[in-house]
Amino acid sequence: MEEKGTPQAEKPIVEKTYDAGSDPETTHEKTETSPVFVFDGKTGKDSNRIPIELLSKSIRRESGLKGIRVIPIQYWKIYAIILGMLDKESINHTEKAPFIQNNSSKAYLTDADEASGYTQKNAPINRWRFDKVISTIQLPGIVEDQNEGIVDTRNAAIGLTLNKEGLTVAFGMNVRACKNFNVMGGTIMRSYGLDDRIGLPWDIMETRLHNWVKNINQIWTVQNEIMHSMKDHTLEASSTTMEPTGIIEKVIGDLYLGAIKHSYFNGDAVPFNAYELSDFVQESIRQRKDEEKITNVWDLYNWGTSIMKPGIVDIGEISENSNMWSDYLINEFALEVPKLEILS
């Protein structure tokens, strides 16, 4: 995706600082110089990249602010902690600037700012509050599994997400050219509750992160076995279309019913909302035209994760939805998959 949101030249501005735990409208002022951030996404789910150093100069997210639930530690601090853990264990990694989302970002401007020509698309970074952020720290060449002395490797990633509920950390793998972020085996934790799952305090999240990083090859082996279980489960094709049309339509129907229950009847969280299911179906039609046949559960899983990307779906839910999508398919097709013993 095109790199966006590059900071422009610095300008003298009147800085707006926010008291922890207060509404962003409560401010006091001081004169300072701050970089300007230009949000060039258009509307809705359009996303920009932002350097982590610049993000750290934005308005702090605090538990108790209007519309925010549980933020035990700032996003950029967790990001730095994860990098430190990887360095300590000598795990090779690469970084890309995080994504932020247009409809979850706002610049809180003073009258003086507006008089200086600043707008909701072009404002000093310390005026911006970003309520949804996602980044993936790439882990290239992680050892997968050993079969008859053959060592295989693939690329993994640690995903860090901020949304209005709180923070999510996930471990997944990128297995296709389009780099779908596949979260399987329950390697996801959050600072907030979701359905019957409780949120975790930061000290427990940090301990689990240490365990994940130290046991990264074990996690990889489990996720690899889940992937092979999905690949081994062939979907029965229709005698007329030569594709598993009936199975795909049943899955779409289940997902749509779940999305409606979630939106209107306080149902459980689901991998896709009704709007995203439109993209889901379009991707299926596109694959058929491109002769990328869906023949097994793994194809079906990647069909779904292929639309779980910034600019297409809500970035605050990508990791969570990828994990829920995996869980749905494992349950729907009664797959036998290993359990990861180091999650706690």
Protein backbone atom coordinates (compact mmCIF):
# COMPACT_ATOMS: atom_id res chain seq x y z
CA MET A 1 0.00 0.00 0.00
CA GLU A 2 1.21 3.49 -0.82
CA GLU A 3 3.04 5.27 1.99
CA LYS A 4 1.00 8.27 3.15
CA GLY A 5 0.89 10.78 5.91
CA THR A 6 4.45 12.11 5.60
CA PRO A 7 5.07 14.96 8.07
CA GLN A 8 5.68 18.36 6.51
CA ALA A 9 7.96 21.17 7.58
CA GLU A 10 7.62 22.29 11.18
CA LYS A 11 5.68 25.45 12.07
CA PRO A 12 5.38 27.40 15.30
CA ILE A 13 2.03 26.60 16.90
CA VAL A 14 0.25 26.89 20.21
CA GLU A 15 0.43 23.38 21.66
CA LYS A 16 -2.68 21.78 23.09
CA THR A 17 -1.99 19.30 25.88
CA TYR A 18 -4.53 17.04 27.51
CA ASP A 19 -4.93 16.05 31.12
CA ALA A 20 -4.85 12.27 31.61
CA GLY A 21 -8.34 10.87 32.05
CA SER A 22 -10.09 14.01 30.86
CA ASP A 23 -12.05 14.76 27.72
CA PRO A 24 -9.78 16.12 24.91
CA GLU A 25 -11.66 19.41 25.00
CA THR A 26 -10.09 20.20 28.41
CA THR A 27 -6.77 21.87 27.59
CA HIS A 28 -4.09 24.23 28.62
CA GLU A 29 -1.80 26.00 26.20
CA LYS A 30 1.87 26.64 25.74
CA THR A 31 3.96 27.81 22.82
CA GLU A 32 6.03 25.16 21.10
CA THR A 33 7.00 23.82 17.68
CA SER A 34 5.36 20.62 16.45
CA PRO A 35 5.53 18.68 13.14
CA VAL A 36 2.49 18.90 10.90
CA PHE A 37 0.72 15.68 9.90
CA VAL A 38 -1.32 15.60 6.69
CA PHE A 39 -4.11 13.05 6.55
CA ASP A 40 -4.56 12.34 2.84
CA GLY A 41 -6.96 9.44 3.20
CA LYS A 42 -10.36 10.30 1.74
CA THR A 43 -13.17 9.05 3.94
CA GLY A 44 -14.36 6.15 6.06
CA LYS A 45 -11.91 3.26 6.29
CA ASP A 46 -9.22 4.94 4.16
CA SER A 47 -5.91 4.57 5.94
CA ASN A 48 -2.59 6.36 6.14
CA ARG A 49 0.76 5.18 7.39
CA ILE A 50 2.40 7.21 10.14
CA PRO A 51 5.96 6.81 11.49
CA ILE A 52 5.95 5.43 15.02
CA GLU A 53 8.10 8.37 16.18
CA LEU A 54 5.45 10.79 14.93
CA LEU A 55 2.62 8.75 16.40
CA SER A 56 4.25 9.03 19.83
CA LYS A 57 3.81 12.82 19.66
CA SER A 58 0.04 12.58 19.20
CA ILE A 59 -2.56 12.88 21.97
CA ARG A 60 -2.13 10.17 24.58
CA ARG A 61 -4.89 7.58 24.80
CA GLU A 62 -6.03 7.13 28.39
CA SER A 63 -8.54 4.81 30.05
CA GLY A 64 -11.60 6.86 30.99
CA LEU A 65 -11.50 9.32 28.09
CA LYS A 66 -14.81 9.67 26.30
CA GLY A 67 -15.42 6.63 24.07
CA ILE A 68 -12.36 4.74 25.38
CA ARG A 69 -12.34 1.72 27.66
CA VAL A 70 -9.06 0.10 28.70
CA ILE A 71 -5.63 1.46 27.71
CA PRO A 72 -3.08 0.06 30.20
CA ILE A 73 -0.06 1.44 28.34
CA GLN A 74 0.51 3.67 25.33
CA TYR A 75 0.69 2.02 21.91
CA TRP A 76 4.18 3.21 21.08
CA LYS A 77 5.52 1.97 24.43
CA ILE A 78 4.25 -1.57 23.79
CA TYR A 79 5.72 -1.37 20.29
CA ALA A 80 9.14 -0.54 21.78
CA ILE A 81 8.82 -3.32 24.37
CA ILE A 82 8.09 -5.90 21.65
CA LEU A 83 11.13 -4.77 19.66
CA GLY A 84 13.27 -5.08 22.80
CA MET A 85 12.05 -8.65 23.38
CA LEU A 86 12.87 -9.63 19.80
CA ASP A 87 16.33 -8.09 20.06
CA LYS A 88 16.99 -9.92 23.34
CA GLU A 89 16.12 -13.28 21.77
CA SER A 90 18.11 -12.41 18.59
CA ILE A 91 15.02 -12.80 16.39
CA ASN A 92 15.37 -11.06 13.05
CA HIS A 93 12.59 -8.57 12.38
CA THR A 94 11.61 -5.73 10.08
CA GLU A 95 9.29 -2.78 10.66
CA LYS A 96 6.86 -0.71 8.65
CA ALA A 97 5.08 2.40 9.80
CA PRO A 98 1.68 1.72 11.45
CA PHE A 99 -1.64 2.42 9.76
CA ILE A 100 -4.19 4.88 11.15
CA GLN A 101 -7.79 5.14 9.94
CA ASN A 102 -9.55 8.27 8.70
CA ASN A 103 -12.91 7.88 10.40
CA SER A 104 -11.25 7.15 13.74
CA SER A 105 -8.86 10.10 13.74
CA LYS A 106 -9.54 13.70 14.72
CA ALA A 107 -7.53 16.89 15.08
CA TYR A 108 -8.59 19.01 18.10
CA LEU A 109 -7.84 22.57 16.95
CA THR A 110 -7.91 25.84 18.87
CA ASP A 111 -9.20 29.05 17.34
CA ALA A 112 -5.57 30.15 16.98
CA ASP A 113 -4.77 26.95 15.05
CA GLU A 114 -7.63 27.54 12.63
CA ALA A 115 -6.60 31.16 12.20
CA SER A 116 -3.14 29.88 11.24
CA GLY A 117 -4.69 27.79 8.46
CA TYR A 118 -4.70 24.36 10.06
CA THR A 119 -7.58 21.99 9.20
CA GLN A 120 -8.93 18.54 10.04
CA LYS A 121 -6.71 17.13 7.28
CA ASN A 122 -3.61 19.19 7.99
CA ALA A 123 -2.77 19.84 11.65
CA PRO A 124 0.13 19.73 14.14
CA ILE A 125 0.73 16.17 15.30
CA ASN A 126 0.13 17.08 18.95
CA ARG A 127 -3.45 18.05 17.99
CA TRP A 128 -4.24 14.63 16.53
CA ARG A 129 -5.93 11.79 18.39
CA PHE A 130 -5.83 8.43 16.61
CA ASP A 131 -8.35 5.95 17.99
CA LYS A 132 -7.49 3.07 15.66
CA VAL A 133 -3.94 2.01 14.84
CA ILE A 134 -2.48 -1.25 13.51
CA SER A 135 1.06 -2.36 12.76
CA THR A 136 2.76 -5.66 12.04
CA ILE A 137 6.35 -6.36 12.97
CA GLN A 138 7.55 -8.85 10.38
CA LEU A 139 9.57 -11.91 11.45
CA PRO A 140 11.11 -13.36 8.27
CA GLY A 141 12.41 -16.91 8.00
CA ILE A 142 10.94 -18.46 11.15
CA VAL A 143 11.52 -22.23 11.28
CA GLU A 144 8.27 -24.03 10.66
CA ASP A 145 8.41 -27.78 11.23
CA GLN A 146 10.94 -30.49 10.54
CA ASN A 147 9.82 -33.40 8.40
CA GLU A 148 12.32 -36.15 7.62
CA GLY A 149 15.19 -33.79 8.25
CA ILE A 150 13.83 -31.04 6.00
CA VAL A 151 13.65 -27.62 7.62
CA ASP A 152 11.00 -25.32 6.23
CA THR A 153 10.62 -21.61 6.98
CA ARG A 154 7.94 -19.00 6.47
CA ASN A 155 7.36 -15.42 7.45
CA ALA A 156 5.57 -14.62 10.70
CA ALA A 157 4.39 -11.35 12.23
CA ILE A 158 3.37 -9.81 15.52
CA GLY A 159 0.33 -7.57 15.11
CA LEU A 160 -0.33 -4.70 17.51
CA THR A 161 -3.75 -3.04 17.35
CA LEU A 162 -5.35 -0.10 19.12
CA ASN A 163 -9.10 0.45 18.92
CA LYS A 164 -11.74 2.19 21.02
CA GLU A 165 -12.01 -0.86 23.27
CA GLY A 166 -8.31 -1.08 24.08
CA LEU A 167 -5.21 -2.94 22.89
CA THR A 168 -4.79 -6.25 21.07
CA VAL A 169 -1.57 -8.19 20.48
CA ALA A 170 -1.56 -11.16 18.07
CA PHE A 171 0.93 -13.58 16.58
CA GLY A 172 0.25 -14.77 13.05
CA MET A 173 1.84 -15.76 9.79
CA ASN A 174 1.99 -14.17 6.37
CA VAL A 175 1.75 -16.94 3.82
CA ARG A 176 0.72 -15.41 0.52
CA ALA A 177 2.15 -12.81 -1.82
CA CYS A 178 -0.55 -10.40 -0.65
CA LYS A 179 0.59 -11.03 2.95
CA ASN A 180 -2.65 -12.04 4.58
CA PHE A 181 -2.22 -11.79 8.34
CA ASN A 182 -3.36 -15.23 9.56
CA VAL A 183 -4.00 -15.51 13.31
CA MET A 184 -4.66 -19.11 14.38
CA GLY A 185 -4.35 -21.24 17.48
CA GLY A 186 -5.52 -18.59 19.94
CA THR A 187 -2.35 -16.48 19.81
CA ILE A 188 -4.22 -13.27 20.50
CA MET A 189 -4.77 -11.31 23.71
CA ARG A 190 -6.53 -8.09 24.53
CA SER A 191 -6.80 -5.53 27.32
CA TYR A 192 -10.61 -5.55 27.08
CA GLY A 193 -13.32 -8.18 27.36
CA LEU A 194 -14.90 -9.72 24.27
CA ASP A 195 -18.00 -11.94 24.57
CA ASP A 196 -17.12 -14.40 27.37
CA ARG A 197 -13.38 -13.69 27.21
CA ILE A 198 -11.96 -11.37 29.85
CA GLY A 199 -9.49 -8.58 29.23
CA LEU A 200 -5.97 -8.92 30.61
CA PRO A 201 -4.00 -6.44 32.72
CA TRP A 202 -0.74 -5.29 31.20
CA ASP A 203 1.53 -7.32 33.52
CA ILE A 204 -0.07 -10.57 32.31
CA MET A 205 0.03 -9.46 28.67
CA GLU A 206 3.72 -8.66 29.01
CA THR A 207 4.45 -12.07 30.57
CA ARG A 208 2.62 -13.83 27.78
CA LEU A 209 4.47 -11.79 25.19
CA HIS A 210 7.76 -12.96 26.71
CA ASN A 211 6.53 -16.56 26.46
CA TRP A 212 5.48 -16.11 22.85
CA VAL A 213 8.82 -14.66 21.80
CA LYS A 214 10.85 -17.29 23.69
CA ASN A 215 8.74 -20.11 22.24
CA ILE A 216 8.23 -18.72 18.79
CA ASN A 217 9.15 -21.98 17.02
CA GLN A 218 6.64 -23.93 19.11
CA ILE A 219 3.91 -21.47 18.19
CA TRP A 220 4.97 -21.75 14.57
CA THR A 221 4.74 -25.53 14.63
CA VAL A 222 1.20 -25.42 16.05
CA GLN A 223 0.04 -22.85 13.50
CA ASN A 224 1.64 -24.90 10.75
CA GLU A 225 -0.27 -27.99 11.85
CA ILE A 226 -3.52 -26.02 11.85
CA MET A 227 -2.76 -24.85 8.32
CA HIS A 228 -2.15 -28.44 7.16
CA SER A 229 -5.36 -29.60 8.83
CA MET A 230 -7.23 -26.97 6.83
CA LYS A 231 -5.44 -27.98 3.62
CA ASP A 232 -6.21 -31.66 4.17
CA HIS A 233 -9.96 -31.05 4.51
CA THR A 234 -11.24 -31.03 0.93
CA LEU A 235 -14.53 -29.32 0.21
CA GLU A 236 -16.99 -31.46 -1.74
CA ALA A 237 -17.56 -30.03 -5.19
CA SER A 238 -20.93 -29.77 -6.93
CA SER A 239 -21.39 -32.13 -9.86
CA THR A 240 -22.63 -29.23 -12.00
CA THR A 241 -20.26 -26.39 -11.12
CA MET A 242 -17.27 -28.55 -10.12
CA GLU A 243 -16.86 -26.18 -7.17
CA PRO A 244 -18.01 -26.42 -3.53
CA THR A 245 -20.78 -23.91 -4.28
CA GLY A 246 -23.25 -25.27 -1.73
CA ILE A 247 -20.69 -25.23 1.08
CA ILE A 248 -19.58 -21.69 0.27
CA GLU A 249 -23.17 -20.45 0.15
CA LYS A 250 -23.89 -22.08 3.52
CA VAL A 251 -20.85 -20.40 5.06
CA ILE A 252 -21.91 -17.03 3.64
CA GLY A 253 -25.40 -17.54 5.02
CA ASP A 254 -24.07 -18.42 8.49
CA LEU A 255 -21.79 -15.39 8.48
CA TYR A 256 -24.55 -13.05 7.36
CA LEU A 257 -26.96 -14.32 10.00
CA GLY A 258 -24.25 -13.89 12.65
CA ALA A 259 -23.53 -10.35 11.43
CA ILE A 260 -27.20 -9.37 11.68
CA LYS A 261 -27.51 -10.87 15.19
CA HIS A 262 -24.38 -9.00 16.28
CA SER A 263 -25.51 -5.67 14.84
CA TYR A 264 -29.17 -5.69 15.87
CA PHE A 265 -29.67 -8.29 18.60
CA ASN A 266 -26.56 -8.04 20.78
CA GLY A 267 -25.16 -11.28 19.35
CA ASP A 268 -21.59 -12.49 19.70
CA ALA A 269 -18.73 -10.86 17.80
CA VAL A 270 -18.32 -12.13 14.23
CA PRO A 271 -15.45 -12.25 11.68
CA PHE A 272 -17.25 -9.96 9.20
CA ASN A 273 -19.99 -7.37 9.44
CA ALA A 274 -22.72 -7.20 6.79
CA TYR A 275 -20.84 -4.56 4.77
CA GLU A 276 -17.62 -6.60 4.74
CA LEU A 277 -19.49 -9.70 3.58
CA SER A 278 -20.13 -7.88 0.30
CA ASP A 279 -16.36 -7.70 -0.26
CA PHE A 280 -16.13 -11.32 0.88
CA VAL A 281 -18.55 -12.48 -1.86
CA GLN A 282 -16.94 -10.28 -4.50
CA GLU A 283 -13.58 -11.85 -3.70
CA SER A 284 -15.09 -15.29 -4.28
CA ILE A 285 -16.42 -14.25 -7.70
CA ARG A 286 -13.08 -12.67 -8.58
CA GLN A 287 -11.20 -15.85 -7.67
CA ARG A 288 -13.44 -17.89 -9.93
CA LYS A 289 -12.74 -15.54 -12.83
CA ASP A 290 -9.02 -15.76 -12.09
CA GLU A 291 -9.28 -19.56 -11.85
CA GLU A 292 -8.12 -19.56 -8.24
CA LYS A 293 -10.36 -22.40 -7.18
CA ILE A 294 -11.50 -22.88 -3.61
CA THR A 295 -10.92 -26.58 -2.99
CA ASN A 296 -10.22 -26.90 0.74
CA VAL A 297 -10.73 -25.13 4.07
CA TRP A 298 -7.35 -23.38 3.80
CA ASP A 299 -8.43 -21.79 0.51
CA LEU A 300 -11.63 -20.67 2.22
CA TYR A 301 -9.69 -19.16 5.12
CA ASN A 302 -7.39 -17.22 2.81
CA TRP A 303 -10.38 -16.08 0.78
CA GLY A 304 -11.59 -14.33 3.93
CA THR A 305 -8.25 -12.96 5.16
CA SER A 306 -7.51 -11.53 1.70
CA ILE A 307 -9.97 -8.69 2.40
CA MET A 308 -8.78 -8.13 6.00
CA LYS A 309 -6.52 -5.22 5.10
CA PRO A 310 -6.32 -1.49 5.90
CA GLY A 311 -8.57 0.49 3.58
CA ILE A 312 -10.95 -2.46 3.10
CA VAL A 313 -12.06 -3.38 6.62
CA ASP A 314 -11.87 -1.61 9.96
CA ILE A 315 -8.21 -1.74 11.02
CA GLY A 316 -9.17 -1.97 14.67
CA GLU A 317 -10.64 -5.44 14.10
CA ILE A 318 -8.27 -7.12 11.60
CA SER A 319 -6.33 -9.34 14.03
CA GLU A 320 -9.44 -10.24 16.03
CA ASN A 321 -11.45 -11.05 12.91
CA SER A 322 -8.69 -13.22 11.45
CA ASN A 323 -8.64 -15.27 14.65
CA MET A 324 -12.46 -15.54 14.81
CA TRP A 325 -12.56 -16.59 11.14
CA SER A 326 -10.07 -19.38 11.87
CA ASP A 327 -12.06 -20.52 14.92
CA TYR A 328 -15.31 -20.50 12.91
CA LEU A 329 -13.86 -22.75 10.18
CA ILE A 330 -12.25 -25.13 12.68
CA ASN A 331 -15.61 -25.56 14.43
CA GLU A 332 -17.71 -25.63 11.26
CA PHE A 333 -15.68 -28.42 9.67
CA ALA A 334 -14.84 -30.21 12.95
CA LEU A 335 -11.09 -30.04 12.32
CA GLU A 336 -8.73 -31.73 14.74
CA VAL A 337 -6.08 -29.15 15.59
CA PRO A 338 -3.37 -29.02 18.27
CA LYS A 339 -3.58 -26.78 21.30
CA LEU A 340 -0.87 -24.35 22.25
CA GLU A 341 0.28 -24.96 25.81
CA ILE A 342 2.22 -21.72 26.36
CA LEU A 343 -0.61 -19.20 26.10
CA SER A 344 -0.77 -18.57 29.84
